[in-house]
């Protein structure tokens, strides 16, 4: 018992615990970074989809507006 708690062994045990904590924190930071990256990618994908959809909508609206304009001029 006394041998386990000698000064050298005690320091070694504390160092091991410290390393474990650091490893856990590092892993947590890494996971957080991955989550942020995925979130950013999803956001980017959504923006692209929205732009494409709006572009198609604008094309359709411009055609319908042109047709409406022709009909209002002739009437």
N, C-alpha and C. Protein backbone atom coordinates (compact mmCIF):
# COMPACT_ATOMS: atom_id res chain seq x y z
N UNK A 1 0.83 -1.20 0.00
CA UNK A 1 0.00 0.00 0.00
C UNK A 1 0.87 1.25 0.00
N UNK A 2 1.87 1.26 0.89
CA UNK A 2 2.76 2.41 0.97
C UNK A 2 3.55 2.54 -0.33
N UNK A 3 3.90 1.41 -0.92
CA UNK A 3 4.67 1.42 -2.17
C UNK A 3 3.87 2.07 -3.30
N UNK A 4 2.56 1.79 -3.35
CA UNK A 4 1.70 2.36 -4.39
C UNK A 4 1.59 3.86 -4.28
N UNK A 5 1.62 4.37 -3.08
CA UNK A 5 1.43 5.80 -2.87
C UNK A 5 2.74 6.56 -2.67
N UNK A 6 3.85 5.94 -3.04
CA UNK A 6 5.11 6.67 -2.93
C UNK A 6 5.06 7.86 -3.89
N UNK A 7 5.90 8.81 -3.66
CA UNK A 7 5.87 10.07 -4.39
C UNK A 7 5.93 9.87 -5.91
N UNK A 8 6.81 9.00 -6.38
CA UNK A 8 6.96 8.75 -7.82
C UNK A 8 5.72 8.14 -8.43
N UNK A 9 5.17 7.13 -7.74
CA UNK A 9 3.97 6.46 -8.26
C UNK A 9 2.77 7.39 -8.25
N UNK A 10 2.69 8.21 -7.22
CA UNK A 10 1.57 9.15 -7.11
C UNK A 10 1.60 10.14 -8.27
N UNK A 11 2.79 10.63 -8.58
CA UNK A 11 2.93 11.57 -9.71
C UNK A 11 2.58 10.89 -11.03
N UNK A 12 2.97 9.63 -11.16
CA UNK A 12 2.67 8.88 -12.38
C UNK A 12 1.15 8.71 -12.55
N UNK A 13 0.48 8.38 -11.45
CA UNK A 13 -0.98 8.21 -11.48
C UNK A 13 -1.66 9.52 -11.86
N UNK A 14 -1.21 10.61 -11.26
CA UNK A 14 -1.80 11.92 -11.57
C UNK A 14 -1.55 12.30 -13.03
N UNK A 15 -0.37 12.00 -13.53
CA UNK A 15 -0.04 12.30 -14.93
C UNK A 15 -0.93 11.51 -15.88
N UNK A 16 -1.16 10.23 -15.54
CA UNK A 16 -2.03 9.39 -16.37
C UNK A 16 -3.46 9.95 -16.40
N UNK A 17 -3.94 10.36 -15.23
CA UNK A 17 -5.29 10.94 -15.17
C UNK A 17 -5.37 12.22 -16.00
N UNK A 18 -4.32 13.03 -15.91
CA UNK A 18 -4.29 14.28 -16.66
C UNK A 18 -4.31 14.01 -18.17
N UNK A 19 -3.54 13.00 -18.59
CA UNK A 19 -3.50 12.65 -20.01
C UNK A 19 -4.87 12.16 -20.49
N UNK A 20 -5.54 11.38 -19.65
CA UNK A 20 -6.87 10.89 -20.01
C UNK A 20 -7.84 12.05 -20.20
N UNK A 21 -7.79 13.02 -19.28
CA UNK A 21 -8.66 14.18 -19.38
C UNK A 21 -8.38 14.97 -20.65
N UNK A 22 -7.10 15.17 -20.93
CA UNK A 22 -6.72 15.90 -22.14
C UNK A 22 -7.22 15.18 -23.39
N UNK A 23 -7.11 13.86 -23.39
CA UNK A 23 -7.56 13.07 -24.54
C UNK A 23 -9.07 13.21 -24.73
N UNK A 24 -9.81 13.18 -23.62
CA UNK A 24 -11.26 13.33 -23.69
C UNK A 24 -11.64 14.70 -24.25
N UNK A 25 -10.95 15.73 -23.76
CA UNK A 25 -11.24 17.09 -24.23
C UNK A 25 -10.93 17.23 -25.72
N UNK A 26 -9.81 16.65 -26.13
CA UNK A 26 -9.42 16.72 -27.54
C UNK A 26 -10.46 16.02 -28.42
N UNK A 27 -10.91 14.86 -27.96
CA UNK A 27 -11.92 14.11 -28.71
C UNK A 27 -13.21 14.91 -28.82
N UNK A 28 -13.59 15.55 -27.72
CA UNK A 28 -14.80 16.36 -27.70
C UNK A 28 -14.70 17.53 -28.68
N UNK A 29 -13.53 18.19 -28.69
CA UNK A 29 -13.31 19.31 -29.61
C UNK A 29 -13.39 18.85 -31.06
N UNK A 30 -12.81 17.68 -31.32
CA UNK A 30 -12.80 17.13 -32.67
C UNK A 30 -14.24 16.86 -33.13
N UNK A 31 -15.05 16.25 -32.25
CA UNK A 31 -16.44 15.95 -32.58
C UNK A 31 -17.21 17.23 -32.84
N UNK A 32 -16.96 18.25 -32.02
CA UNK A 32 -17.64 19.52 -32.18
C UNK A 32 -17.30 20.14 -33.53
N UNK A 33 -16.03 20.03 -33.92
CA UNK A 33 -15.59 20.54 -35.21
C UNK A 33 -16.27 19.81 -36.36
N UNK A 34 -16.40 18.49 -36.22
CA UNK A 34 -17.06 17.70 -37.26
C UNK A 34 -18.52 18.11 -37.39
N UNK A 35 -19.18 18.32 -36.23
CA UNK A 35 -20.58 18.74 -36.26
C UNK A 35 -20.73 20.07 -36.97
N UNK A 36 -19.83 21.02 -36.64
CA UNK A 36 -19.87 22.33 -37.28
C UNK A 36 -19.69 22.21 -38.79
N UNK A 37 -18.75 21.36 -39.18
CA UNK A 37 -18.45 21.18 -40.60
C UNK A 37 -19.67 20.61 -41.33
N UNK A 38 -20.30 19.59 -40.72
CA UNK A 38 -21.49 19.00 -41.34
C UNK A 38 -22.61 20.02 -41.45
N UNK A 39 -22.78 20.81 -40.39
CA UNK A 39 -23.83 21.82 -40.38
C UNK A 39 -23.59 22.83 -41.50
N UNK A 40 -22.34 23.24 -41.65
CA UNK A 40 -21.97 24.21 -42.68
C UNK A 40 -22.26 23.64 -44.07
N UNK A 41 -21.90 22.35 -44.27
CA UNK A 41 -22.13 21.71 -45.57
C UNK A 41 -23.62 21.63 -45.88
N UNK A 42 -24.42 21.26 -44.87
CA UNK A 42 -25.87 21.18 -45.08
C UNK A 42 -26.44 22.54 -45.44
N UNK A 43 -25.94 23.57 -44.74
CA UNK A 43 -26.41 24.92 -44.99
C UNK A 43 -26.07 25.34 -46.42
N UNK A 44 -24.85 25.03 -46.83
CA UNK A 44 -24.38 25.38 -48.17
C UNK A 44 -25.24 24.67 -49.22
N UNK A 45 -25.50 23.39 -48.99
CA UNK A 45 -26.30 22.60 -49.92
C UNK A 45 -27.69 23.20 -50.06
N UNK A 46 -28.27 23.60 -48.95
CA UNK A 46 -29.60 24.20 -48.96
C UNK A 46 -29.62 25.50 -49.73
N UNK A 47 -28.56 26.29 -49.57
CA UNK A 47 -28.48 27.56 -50.29
C UNK A 47 -28.43 27.31 -51.78
N UNK A 48 -27.63 26.33 -52.18
CA UNK A 48 -27.50 26.03 -53.61
C UNK A 48 -28.83 25.60 -54.18
N UNK A 49 -29.53 24.76 -53.43
CA UNK A 49 -30.82 24.26 -53.89
C UNK A 49 -31.79 25.43 -54.02
N UNK A 50 -31.76 26.32 -53.05
CA UNK A 50 -32.65 27.48 -53.06
C UNK A 50 -32.36 28.39 -54.24
N UNK A 51 -31.10 28.61 -54.52
CA UNK A 51 -30.73 29.47 -55.65
C UNK A 51 -31.23 28.88 -56.95
N UNK A 52 -31.05 27.57 -57.11
CA UNK A 52 -31.47 26.90 -58.33
C UNK A 52 -32.98 27.01 -58.49
N UNK A 53 -33.69 26.79 -57.40
CA UNK A 53 -35.15 26.85 -57.43
C UNK A 53 -35.60 28.27 -57.78
N UNK A 54 -35.00 29.27 -57.16
CA UNK A 54 -35.37 30.65 -57.43
C UNK A 54 -35.07 31.03 -58.87
N UNK A 55 -33.96 30.53 -59.39
CA UNK A 55 -33.58 30.84 -60.76
C UNK A 55 -34.65 30.32 -61.72
N UNK A 56 -35.10 29.08 -61.50
CA UNK A 56 -36.14 28.50 -62.34
C UNK A 56 -37.44 29.27 -62.19
N UNK A 57 -37.76 29.65 -60.95
CA UNK A 57 -38.98 30.42 -60.71
C UNK A 57 -38.94 31.75 -61.45
N UNK A 58 -37.79 32.41 -61.40
CA UNK A 58 -37.64 33.71 -62.07
C UNK A 58 -37.82 33.56 -63.58
N UNK A 59 -37.28 32.48 -64.14
CA UNK A 59 -37.44 32.24 -65.58
C UNK A 59 -38.92 32.12 -65.93
N UNK A 60 -39.62 31.32 -65.16
CA UNK A 60 -41.04 31.09 -65.40
C UNK A 60 -41.82 32.40 -65.25
N UNK A 61 -41.52 33.13 -64.17
CA UNK A 61 -42.23 34.39 -63.92
C UNK A 61 -41.96 35.40 -65.03
N UNK A 62 -40.74 35.45 -65.53
CA UNK A 62 -40.43 36.42 -66.59
C UNK A 62 -41.21 36.07 -67.85
N UNK A 63 -41.35 34.78 -68.13
CA UNK A 63 -42.14 34.37 -69.31
C UNK A 63 -43.61 34.73 -69.12
N UNK A 64 -44.15 34.45 -67.94
CA UNK A 64 -45.57 34.76 -67.71
C UNK A 64 -45.80 36.26 -67.71
N UNK A 65 -44.86 37.02 -67.16
CA UNK A 65 -44.99 38.48 -67.17
C UNK A 65 -44.95 39.01 -68.59
N UNK A 66 -44.09 38.43 -69.42
CA UNK A 66 -43.99 38.86 -70.82
C UNK A 66 -45.30 38.58 -71.54
N UNK A 67 -45.86 37.41 -71.30
CA UNK A 67 -47.14 37.05 -71.93
C UNK A 67 -48.24 37.99 -71.46
N UNK A 68 -48.30 38.26 -70.15
CA UNK A 68 -49.29 39.19 -69.61
C UNK A 68 -49.14 40.57 -70.22
N UNK A 69 -47.92 41.00 -70.39
CA UNK A 69 -47.64 42.32 -70.95
C UNK A 69 -48.15 42.40 -72.39
N UNK A 70 -47.93 41.35 -73.16
CA UNK A 70 -48.40 41.33 -74.56
C UNK A 70 -49.92 41.41 -74.60
N UNK A 71 -50.59 40.63 -73.73
CA UNK A 71 -52.05 40.64 -73.73
C UNK A 71 -52.62 41.98 -73.28
N UNK A 72 -51.99 42.63 -72.32
CA UNK A 72 -52.51 43.92 -71.85
C UNK A 72 -52.31 45.00 -72.90
N UNK A 73 -51.24 44.92 -73.68
CA UNK A 73 -51.01 45.91 -74.74
C UNK A 73 -52.03 45.76 -75.86
N UNK A 74 -52.37 44.53 -76.22
CA UNK A 74 -53.29 44.30 -77.34
C UNK A 74 -54.72 44.63 -76.96
N UNK A 75 -55.07 44.51 -75.68
CA UNK A 75 -56.46 44.79 -75.27
C UNK A 75 -56.68 46.21 -75.03
